Amino acid sequence: RDKPVPRALHIMCGVLAVLTAFRVYAWSERL
């Protein structure tokens, strides 16, 4: 945290998290 985390990383994390959650829900990919 010596330098602020760029906003782009936060946005990318949110988008990938949503897509991962859909993957888990749709195909029960628990891993």
PDB file of all heavy atoms in Angstrom:
ATOM      1  N   ARG A   1       0.815  -1.207   0.000  1.00  0.00           N
ATOM      2  CA  ARG A   1       0.000   0.000   0.000  1.00  0.00           C
ATOM      3  C   ARG A   1       0.850   1.260   0.000  1.00  0.00           C
ATOM      4  O   ARG A   1       0.374   2.335   0.379  1.00  0.00           O
ATOM      5  CB  ARG A   1      -0.927  -0.007   1.215  1.00  0.00           C
ATOM      6  CG  ARG A   1      -1.921  -1.163   1.266  1.00  0.00           C
ATOM      7  CD  ARG A   1      -2.807  -1.180   0.028  1.00  0.00           C
ATOM      8  NE  ARG A   1      -3.590   0.023  -0.114  1.00  0.00           N
ATOM      9  CZ  ARG A   1      -4.828   0.151   0.340  1.00  0.00           C
ATOM     10  NH1 ARG A   1      -5.418  -0.866   0.949  1.00  0.00           N
ATOM     11  NH2 ARG A   1      -5.488   1.279   0.170  1.00  0.00           N
ATOM     12  N   ASP A   2       2.139   1.109  -0.380  1.00  0.00           N
ATOM     13  CA  ASP A   2       2.995   2.293  -0.414  1.00  0.00           C
ATOM     14  C   ASP A   2       2.521   3.288  -1.470  1.00  0.00           C
ATOM     15  O   ASP A   2       2.739   4.490  -1.353  1.00  0.00           O
ATOM     16  CB  ASP A   2       4.447   1.886  -0.677  1.00  0.00           C
ATOM     17  CG  ASP A   2       4.584   0.985  -1.893  1.00  0.00           C
ATOM     18  OD1 ASP A   2       3.652   0.201  -2.141  1.00  0.00           O
ATOM     19  OD2 ASP A   2       5.613   1.061  -2.572  1.00  0.00           O
ATOM     20  N   LYS A   3       1.868   2.776  -2.514  1.00  0.00           N
ATOM     21  CA  LYS A   3       1.244   3.628  -3.515  1.00  0.00           C
ATOM     22  C   LYS A   3      -0.217   3.215  -3.657  1.00  0.00           C
ATOM     23  O   LYS A   3      -0.549   2.030  -3.521  1.00  0.00           O
ATOM     24  CB  LYS A   3       1.969   3.505  -4.859  1.00  0.00           C
ATOM     25  CG  LYS A   3       3.368   4.096  -4.861  1.00  0.00           C
ATOM     26  CD  LYS A   3       3.971   4.030  -6.254  1.00  0.00           C
ATOM     27  CE  LYS A   3       5.368   4.643  -6.258  1.00  0.00           C
ATOM     28  NZ  LYS A   3       5.983   4.594  -7.612  1.00  0.00           N
ATOM     29  N   PRO A   4      -1.109   4.173  -3.921  1.00  0.00           N
ATOM     30  CA  PRO A   4      -2.539   3.830  -4.041  1.00  0.00           C
ATOM     31  C   PRO A   4      -2.777   2.803  -5.136  1.00  0.00           C
ATOM     32  O   PRO A   4      -2.137   2.836  -6.188  1.00  0.00           O
ATOM     33  CB  PRO A   4      -3.186   5.183  -4.384  1.00  0.00           C
ATOM     34  CG  PRO A   4      -2.217   6.214  -3.925  1.00  0.00           C
ATOM     35  CD  PRO A   4      -0.854   5.611  -4.091  1.00  0.00           C
ATOM     36  N   VAL A   5      -3.709   1.907  -4.864  1.00  0.00           N
ATOM     37  CA  VAL A   5      -4.093   0.920  -5.874  1.00  0.00           C
ATOM     38  C   VAL A   5      -4.881   1.631  -6.966  1.00  0.00           C
ATOM     39  O   VAL A   5      -5.869   2.320  -6.673  1.00  0.00           O
ATOM     40  CB  VAL A   5      -4.928  -0.217  -5.258  1.00  0.00           C
ATOM     41  CG1 VAL A   5      -5.308  -1.244  -6.319  1.00  0.00           C
ATOM     42  CG2 VAL A   5      -4.173  -0.881  -4.121  1.00  0.00           C
ATOM     43  N   PRO A   6      -4.477   1.516  -8.229  1.00  0.00           N
ATOM     44  CA  PRO A   6      -5.185   2.215  -9.310  1.00  0.00           C
ATOM     45  C   PRO A   6      -6.655   1.814  -9.379  1.00  0.00           C
ATOM     46  O   PRO A   6      -7.026   0.671  -9.105  1.00  0.00           O
ATOM     47  CB  PRO A   6      -4.437   1.770 -10.573  1.00  0.00           C
ATOM     48  CG  PRO A   6      -3.092   1.346 -10.097  1.00  0.00           C
ATOM     49  CD  PRO A   6      -3.304   0.777  -8.731  1.00  0.00           C
ATOM     50  N   ARG A   7      -7.460   2.752  -9.756  1.00  0.00           N
ATOM     51  CA  ARG A   7      -8.890   2.496  -9.882  1.00  0.00           C
ATOM     52  C   ARG A   7      -9.176   1.421 -10.920  1.00  0.00           C
ATOM     53  O   ARG A   7     -10.117   0.637 -10.774  1.00  0.00           O
ATOM     54  CB  ARG A   7      -9.605   3.809 -10.258  1.00  0.00           C
ATOM     55  CG  ARG A   7     -11.126   3.686 -10.292  1.00  0.00           C
ATOM     56  CD  ARG A   7     -11.762   5.016 -10.669  1.00  0.00           C
ATOM     57  NE  ARG A   7     -13.220   4.909 -10.691  1.00  0.00           N
ATOM     58  CZ  ARG A   7     -14.031   5.894 -11.061  1.00  0.00           C
ATOM     59  NH1 ARG A   7     -13.497   7.070 -11.428  1.00  0.00           N
ATOM     60  NH2 ARG A   7     -15.330   5.719 -11.083  1.00  0.00           N
ATOM     61  N   ALA A   8      -8.346   1.386 -11.956  1.00  0.00           N
ATOM     62  CA  ALA A   8      -8.552   0.381 -12.999  1.00  0.00           C
ATOM     63  C   ALA A   8      -8.458  -1.032 -12.444  1.00  0.00           C
ATOM     64  O   ALA A   8      -9.180  -1.935 -12.893  1.00  0.00           O
ATOM     65  CB  ALA A   8      -7.520   0.580 -14.115  1.00  0.00           C
ATOM     66  N   LEU A   9      -7.577  -1.254 -11.457  1.00  0.00           N
ATOM     67  CA  LEU A   9      -7.465  -2.577 -10.852  1.00  0.00           C
ATOM     68  C   LEU A   9      -8.729  -2.924 -10.071  1.00  0.00           C
ATOM     69  O   LEU A   9      -9.192  -4.070 -10.097  1.00  0.00           O
ATOM     70  CB  LEU A   9      -6.248  -2.633  -9.925  1.00  0.00           C
ATOM     71  CG  LEU A   9      -4.871  -2.728 -10.593  1.00  0.00           C
ATOM     72  CD1 LEU A   9      -3.784  -2.874  -9.530  1.00  0.00           C
ATOM     73  CD2 LEU A   9      -4.802  -3.886 -11.566  1.00  0.00           C
ATOM     74  N   HIS A  10      -9.294  -1.943  -9.361  1.00  0.00           N
ATOM     75  CA  HIS A  10     -10.541  -2.188  -8.628  1.00  0.00           C
ATOM     76  C   HIS A  10     -11.665  -2.567  -9.592  1.00  0.00           C
ATOM     77  O   HIS A  10     -12.452  -3.497  -9.335  1.00  0.00           O
ATOM     78  CB  HIS A  10     -10.938  -0.950  -7.821  1.00  0.00           C
ATOM     79  CG  HIS A  10      -9.998  -0.603  -6.712  1.00  0.00           C
ATOM     80  ND1 HIS A  10      -9.605  -1.520  -5.758  1.00  0.00           N
ATOM     81  CD2 HIS A  10      -9.368   0.562  -6.406  1.00  0.00           C
ATOM     82  CE1 HIS A  10      -8.782  -0.936  -4.894  1.00  0.00           C
ATOM     83  NE2 HIS A  10      -8.622   0.329  -5.262  1.00  0.00           N
ATOM     84  N   ILE A  11     -11.752  -1.834 -10.695  1.00  0.00           N
ATOM     85  CA  ILE A  11     -12.811  -2.113 -11.675  1.00  0.00           C
ATOM     86  C   ILE A  11     -12.619  -3.494 -12.291  1.00  0.00           C
ATOM     87  O   ILE A  11     -13.573  -4.266 -12.426  1.00  0.00           O
ATOM     88  CB  ILE A  11     -12.821  -1.020 -12.761  1.00  0.00           C
ATOM     89  CG1 ILE A  11     -13.194   0.334 -12.154  1.00  0.00           C
ATOM     90  CG2 ILE A  11     -13.804  -1.395 -13.876  1.00  0.00           C
ATOM     91  CD1 ILE A  11     -13.100   1.490 -13.131  1.00  0.00           C
ATOM     92  N   MET A  12     -11.368  -3.807 -12.660  1.00  0.00           N
ATOM     93  CA  MET A  12     -11.084  -5.107 -13.248  1.00  0.00           C
ATOM     94  C   MET A  12     -11.426  -6.224 -12.273  1.00  0.00           C
ATOM     95  O   MET A  12     -12.002  -7.256 -12.667  1.00  0.00           O
ATOM     96  CB  MET A  12      -9.608  -5.200 -13.643  1.00  0.00           C
ATOM     97  CG  MET A  12      -9.207  -6.517 -14.301  1.00  0.00           C
ATOM     98  SD  MET A  12      -9.896  -6.748 -15.947  1.00  0.00           S
ATOM     99  CE  MET A  12      -8.869  -5.596 -16.884  1.00  0.00           C
ATOM    100  N   CYS A  13     -11.097  -6.038 -11.003  1.00  0.00           N
ATOM    101  CA  CYS A  13     -11.418  -7.046  -9.990  1.00  0.00           C
ATOM    102  C   CYS A  13     -12.927  -7.252  -9.882  1.00  0.00           C
ATOM    103  O   CYS A  13     -13.405  -8.385  -9.811  1.00  0.00           O
ATOM    104  CB  CYS A  13     -10.834  -6.625  -8.642  1.00  0.00           C
ATOM    105  SG  CYS A  13     -11.184  -7.791  -7.308  1.00  0.00           S
ATOM    106  N   GLY A  14     -13.691  -6.140  -9.886  1.00  0.00           N
ATOM    107  CA  GLY A  14     -15.145  -6.258  -9.780  1.00  0.00           C
ATOM    108  C   GLY A  14     -15.748  -7.001 -10.957  1.00  0.00           C
ATOM    109  O   GLY A  14     -16.615  -7.874 -10.792  1.00  0.00           O
ATOM    110  N   VAL A  15     -15.276  -6.675 -12.170  1.00  0.00           N
ATOM    111  CA  VAL A  15     -15.822  -7.323 -13.372  1.00  0.00           C
ATOM    112  C   VAL A  15     -15.491  -8.808 -13.384  1.00  0.00           C
ATOM    113  O   VAL A  15     -16.363  -9.661 -13.636  1.00  0.00           O
ATOM    114  CB  VAL A  15     -15.276  -6.635 -14.636  1.00  0.00           C
ATOM    115  CG1 VAL A  15     -15.705  -7.395 -15.879  1.00  0.00           C
ATOM    116  CG2 VAL A  15     -15.763  -5.194 -14.712  1.00  0.00           C
ATOM    117  N   LEU A  16     -14.229  -9.156 -13.096  1.00  0.00           N
ATOM    118  CA  LEU A  16     -13.829 -10.563 -13.088  1.00  0.00           C
ATOM    119  C   LEU A  16     -14.529 -11.329 -11.968  1.00  0.00           C
ATOM    120  O   LEU A  16     -14.837 -12.518 -12.120  1.00  0.00           O
ATOM    121  CB  LEU A  16     -12.312 -10.679 -12.948  1.00  0.00           C
ATOM    122  CG  LEU A  16     -11.491 -10.250 -14.168  1.00  0.00           C
ATOM    123  CD1 LEU A  16      -9.998 -10.374 -13.881  1.00  0.00           C
ATOM    124  CD2 LEU A  16     -11.857 -11.073 -15.400  1.00  0.00           C
ATOM    125  N   ALA A  17     -14.769 -10.659 -10.839  1.00  0.00           N
ATOM    126  CA  ALA A  17     -15.479 -11.323  -9.730  1.00  0.00           C
ATOM    127  C   ALA A  17     -16.904 -11.672 -10.137  1.00  0.00           C
ATOM    128  O   ALA A  17     -17.411 -12.764  -9.819  1.00  0.00           O
ATOM    129  CB  ALA A  17     -15.475 -10.427  -8.496  1.00  0.00           C
ATOM    130  N   VAL A  18     -17.572 -10.756 -10.849  1.00  0.00           N
ATOM    131  CA  VAL A  18     -18.947 -11.024 -11.308  1.00  0.00           C
ATOM    132  C   VAL A  18     -18.961 -12.177 -12.304  1.00  0.00           C
ATOM    133  O   VAL A  18     -19.807 -13.082 -12.231  1.00  0.00           O
ATOM    134  CB  VAL A  18     -19.555  -9.754 -11.938  1.00  0.00           C
ATOM    135  CG1 VAL A  18     -20.870 -10.080 -12.630  1.00  0.00           C
ATOM    136  CG2 VAL A  18     -19.776  -8.690 -10.873  1.00  0.00           C
ATOM    137  N   LEU A  19     -18.023 -12.178 -13.233  1.00  0.00           N
ATOM    138  CA  LEU A  19     -17.950 -13.250 -14.230  1.00  0.00           C
ATOM    139  C   LEU A  19     -17.624 -14.589 -13.574  1.00  0.00           C
ATOM    140  O   LEU A  19     -18.160 -15.633 -13.962  1.00  0.00           O
ATOM    141  CB  LEU A  19     -16.899 -12.905 -15.288  1.00  0.00           C
ATOM    142  CG  LEU A  19     -17.236 -11.720 -16.189  1.00  0.00           C
ATOM    143  CD1 LEU A  19     -16.040 -11.333 -17.045  1.00  0.00           C
ATOM    144  CD2 LEU A  19     -18.446 -12.018 -17.063  1.00  0.00           C
ATOM    145  N   THR A  20     -16.747 -14.562 -12.575  1.00  0.00           N
ATOM    146  CA  THR A  20     -16.422 -15.793 -11.847  1.00  0.00           C
ATOM    147  C   THR A  20     -17.644 -16.310 -11.098  1.00  0.00           C
ATOM    148  O   THR A  20     -17.912 -17.518 -11.076  1.00  0.00           O
ATOM    149  CB  THR A  20     -15.273 -15.543 -10.867  1.00  0.00           C
ATOM    150  OG1 THR A  20     -14.118 -15.082 -11.577  1.00  0.00           O
ATOM    151  CG2 THR A  20     -14.915 -16.815 -10.121  1.00  0.00           C
ATOM    152  N   ALA A  21     -18.397 -15.386 -10.482  1.00  0.00           N
ATOM    153  CA  ALA A  21     -19.599 -15.792  -9.748  1.00  0.00           C
ATOM    154  C   ALA A  21     -20.624 -16.423 -10.680  1.00  0.00           C
ATOM    155  O   ALA A  21     -21.272 -17.420 -10.329  1.00  0.00           O
ATOM    156  CB  ALA A  21     -20.208 -14.572  -9.037  1.00  0.00           C
ATOM    157  N   PHE A  22     -20.761 -15.872 -11.888  1.00  0.00           N
ATOM    158  CA  PHE A  22     -21.673 -16.471 -12.867  1.00  0.00           C
ATOM    159  C   PHE A  22     -21.201 -17.865 -13.255  1.00  0.00           C
ATOM    160  O   PHE A  22     -22.011 -18.786 -13.405  1.00  0.00           O
ATOM    161  CB  PHE A  22     -21.771 -15.582 -14.107  1.00  0.00           C
ATOM    162  CG  PHE A  22     -22.647 -16.161 -15.180  1.00  0.00           C
ATOM    163  CD1 PHE A  22     -24.026 -16.066 -15.096  1.00  0.00           C
ATOM    164  CD2 PHE A  22     -22.099 -16.813 -16.276  1.00  0.00           C
ATOM    165  CE1 PHE A  22     -24.842 -16.614 -16.076  1.00  0.00           C
ATOM    166  CE2 PHE A  22     -22.897 -17.355 -17.264  1.00  0.00           C
ATOM    167  CZ  PHE A  22     -24.279 -17.252 -17.172  1.00  0.00           C
ATOM    168  N   ARG A  23     -19.903 -18.010 -13.424  1.00  0.00           N
ATOM    169  CA  ARG A  23     -19.332 -19.316 -13.757  1.00  0.00           C
ATOM    170  C   ARG A  23     -19.634 -20.333 -12.666  1.00  0.00           C
ATOM    171  O   ARG A  23     -19.989 -21.480 -12.953  1.00  0.00           O
ATOM    172  CB  ARG A  23     -17.827 -19.153 -13.943  1.00  0.00           C
ATOM    173  CG  ARG A  23     -17.051 -20.406 -14.242  1.00  0.00           C
ATOM    174  CD  ARG A  23     -15.577 -20.049 -14.385  1.00  0.00           C
ATOM    175  NE  ARG A  23     -14.743 -21.231 -14.551  1.00  0.00           N
ATOM    176  CZ  ARG A  23     -13.420 -21.192 -14.670  1.00  0.00           C
ATOM    177  NH1 ARG A  23     -12.798 -20.022 -14.655  1.00  0.00           N
ATOM    178  NH2 ARG A  23     -12.724 -22.306 -14.809  1.00  0.00           N
ATOM    179  N   VAL A  24     -19.499 -19.920 -11.416  1.00  0.00           N
ATOM    180  CA  VAL A  24     -19.784 -20.821 -10.299  1.00  0.00           C
ATOM    181  C   VAL A  24     -21.260 -21.186 -10.267  1.00  0.00           C
ATOM    182  O   VAL A  24     -21.637 -22.346 -10.059  1.00  0.00           O
ATOM    183  CB  VAL A  24     -19.361 -20.161  -8.970  1.00  0.00           C
ATOM    184  CG1 VAL A  24     -19.773 -21.027  -7.783  1.00  0.00           C
ATOM    185  CG2 VAL A  24     -17.853 -19.925  -8.948  1.00  0.00           C
ATOM    186  N   TYR A  25     -22.120 -20.199 -10.487  1.00  0.00           N
ATOM    187  CA  TYR A  25     -23.568 -20.428 -10.428  1.00  0.00           C
ATOM    188  C   TYR A  25     -24.057 -21.292 -11.588  1.00  0.00           C
ATOM    189  O   TYR A  25     -24.832 -22.226 -11.394  1.00  0.00           O
ATOM    190  CB  TYR A  25     -24.299 -19.086 -10.446  1.00  0.00           C
ATOM    191  CG  TYR A  25     -25.801 -19.209 -10.579  1.00  0.00           C
ATOM    192  CD1 TYR A  25     -26.585 -19.541  -9.483  1.00  0.00           C
ATOM    193  CD2 TYR A  25     -26.425 -19.007 -11.803  1.00  0.00           C
ATOM    194  CE1 TYR A  25     -27.959 -19.656  -9.600  1.00  0.00           C
ATOM    195  CE2 TYR A  25     -27.799 -19.122 -11.937  1.00  0.00           C
ATOM    196  CZ  TYR A  25     -28.556 -19.449 -10.832  1.00  0.00           C
ATOM    197  OH  TYR A  25     -29.907 -19.577 -10.954  1.00  0.00           O
ATOM    198  N   ALA A  26     -23.579 -20.976 -12.798  1.00  0.00           N
ATOM    199  CA  ALA A  26     -24.112 -21.639 -13.982  1.00  0.00           C
ATOM    200  C   ALA A  26     -23.668 -23.085 -14.091  1.00  0.00           C
ATOM    201  O   ALA A  26     -24.446 -23.958 -14.491  1.00  0.00           O
ATOM    202  CB  ALA A  26     -23.696 -20.860 -15.245  1.00  0.00           C
ATOM    203  N   TRP A  27     -22.397 -23.369 -13.738  1.00  0.00           N
ATOM    204  CA  TRP A  27     -21.863 -24.712 -13.944  1.00  0.00           C
ATOM    205  C   TRP A  27     -21.401 -25.377 -12.648  1.00  0.00           C
ATOM    206  O   TRP A  27     -20.727 -26.407 -12.695  1.00  0.00           O
ATOM    207  CB  TRP A  27     -20.693 -24.669 -14.932  1.00  0.00           C
ATOM    208  CG  TRP A  27     -21.131 -24.252 -16.295  1.00  0.00           C
ATOM    209  CD1 TRP A  27     -21.916 -24.948 -17.156  1.00  0.00           C
ATOM    210  CD2 TRP A  27     -20.814 -23.021 -16.949  1.00  0.00           C
ATOM    211  NE1 TRP A  27     -22.109 -24.245 -18.309  1.00  0.00           N
ATOM    212  CE2 TRP A  27     -21.441 -23.052 -18.217  1.00  0.00           C
ATOM    213  CE3 TRP A  27     -20.064 -21.895 -16.597  1.00  0.00           C
ATOM    214  CZ2 TRP A  27     -21.342 -22.000 -19.114  1.00  0.00           C
ATOM    215  CZ3 TRP A  27     -19.960 -20.851 -17.506  1.00  0.00           C
ATOM    216  CH2 TRP A  27     -20.598 -20.912 -18.738  1.00  0.00           C
ATOM    217  N   SER A  28     -21.724 -24.771 -11.519  1.00  0.00           N
ATOM    218  CA  SER A  28     -21.337 -25.322 -10.209  1.00  0.00           C
ATOM    219  C   SER A  28     -19.836 -25.576 -10.125  1.00  0.00           C
ATOM    220  O   SER A  28     -19.391 -26.586  -9.560  1.00  0.00           O
ATOM    221  CB  SER A  28     -22.101 -26.630  -9.932  1.00  0.00           C
ATOM    222  OG  SER A  28     -23.484 -26.400  -9.883  1.00  0.00           O
ATOM    223  N   GLU A  29     -19.041 -24.667 -10.699  1.00  0.00           N
ATOM    224  CA  GLU A  29     -17.595 -24.798 -10.634  1.00  0.00           C
ATOM    225  C   GLU A  29     -17.101 -24.212  -9.312  1.00  0.00           C
ATOM    226  O   GLU A  29     -16.634 -23.068  -9.234  1.00  0.00           O
ATOM    227  CB  GLU A  29     -16.941 -24.099 -11.834  1.00  0.00           C
ATOM    228  CG  GLU A  29     -17.225 -24.797 -13.144  1.00  0.00           C
ATOM    229  CD  GLU A  29     -16.322 -24.294 -14.262  1.00  0.00           C
ATOM    230  OE1 GLU A  29     -15.381 -23.545 -13.986  1.00  0.00           O
ATOM    231  OE2 GLU A  29     -16.572 -24.654 -15.421  1.00  0.00           O
ATOM    232  N   ARG A  30     -17.190 -25.020  -8.283  1.00  0.00           N
ATOM    233  CA  ARG A  30     -16.871 -24.550  -6.929  1.00  0.00           C
ATOM    234  C   ARG A  30     -15.417 -24.094  -6.811  1.00  0.00           C
ATOM    235  O   ARG A  30     -15.104 -23.162  -6.079  1.00  0.00           O
ATOM    236  CB  ARG A  30     -17.146 -25.675  -5.928  1.00  0.00           C
ATOM    237  CG  ARG A  30     -18.606 -26.095  -5.873  1.00  0.00           C
ATOM    238  CD  ARG A  30     -18.784 -27.307  -4.977  1.00  0.00           C
ATOM    239  NE  ARG A  30     -18.169 -28.493  -5.555  1.00  0.00           N
ATOM    240  CZ  ARG A  30     -18.810 -29.364  -6.325  1.00  0.00           C
ATOM    241  NH1 ARG A  30     -20.078 -29.164  -6.619  1.00  0.00           N
ATOM    242  NH2 ARG A  30     -18.199 -30.415  -6.812  1.00  0.00           N
ATOM    243  N   LEU A  31     -14.534 -24.754  -7.550  1.00  0.00           N
ATOM    244  CA  LEU A  31     -13.116 -24.430  -7.446  1.00  0.00           C
ATOM    245  C   LEU A  31     -12.828 -23.011  -7.925  1.00  0.00           C
ATOM    246  O   LEU A  31     -11.913 -22.358  -7.425  1.00  0.00           O
ATOM    247  CB  LEU A  31     -12.292 -25.431  -8.261  1.00  0.00           C
ATOM    248  CG  LEU A  31     -10.770 -25.290  -8.175  1.00  0.00           C
ATOM    249  CD1 LEU A  31     -10.299 -25.413  -6.746  1.00  0.00           C
ATOM    250  CD2 LEU A  31     -10.088 -26.328  -9.059  1.00  0.00           C
TER     251      LEU A  31
END
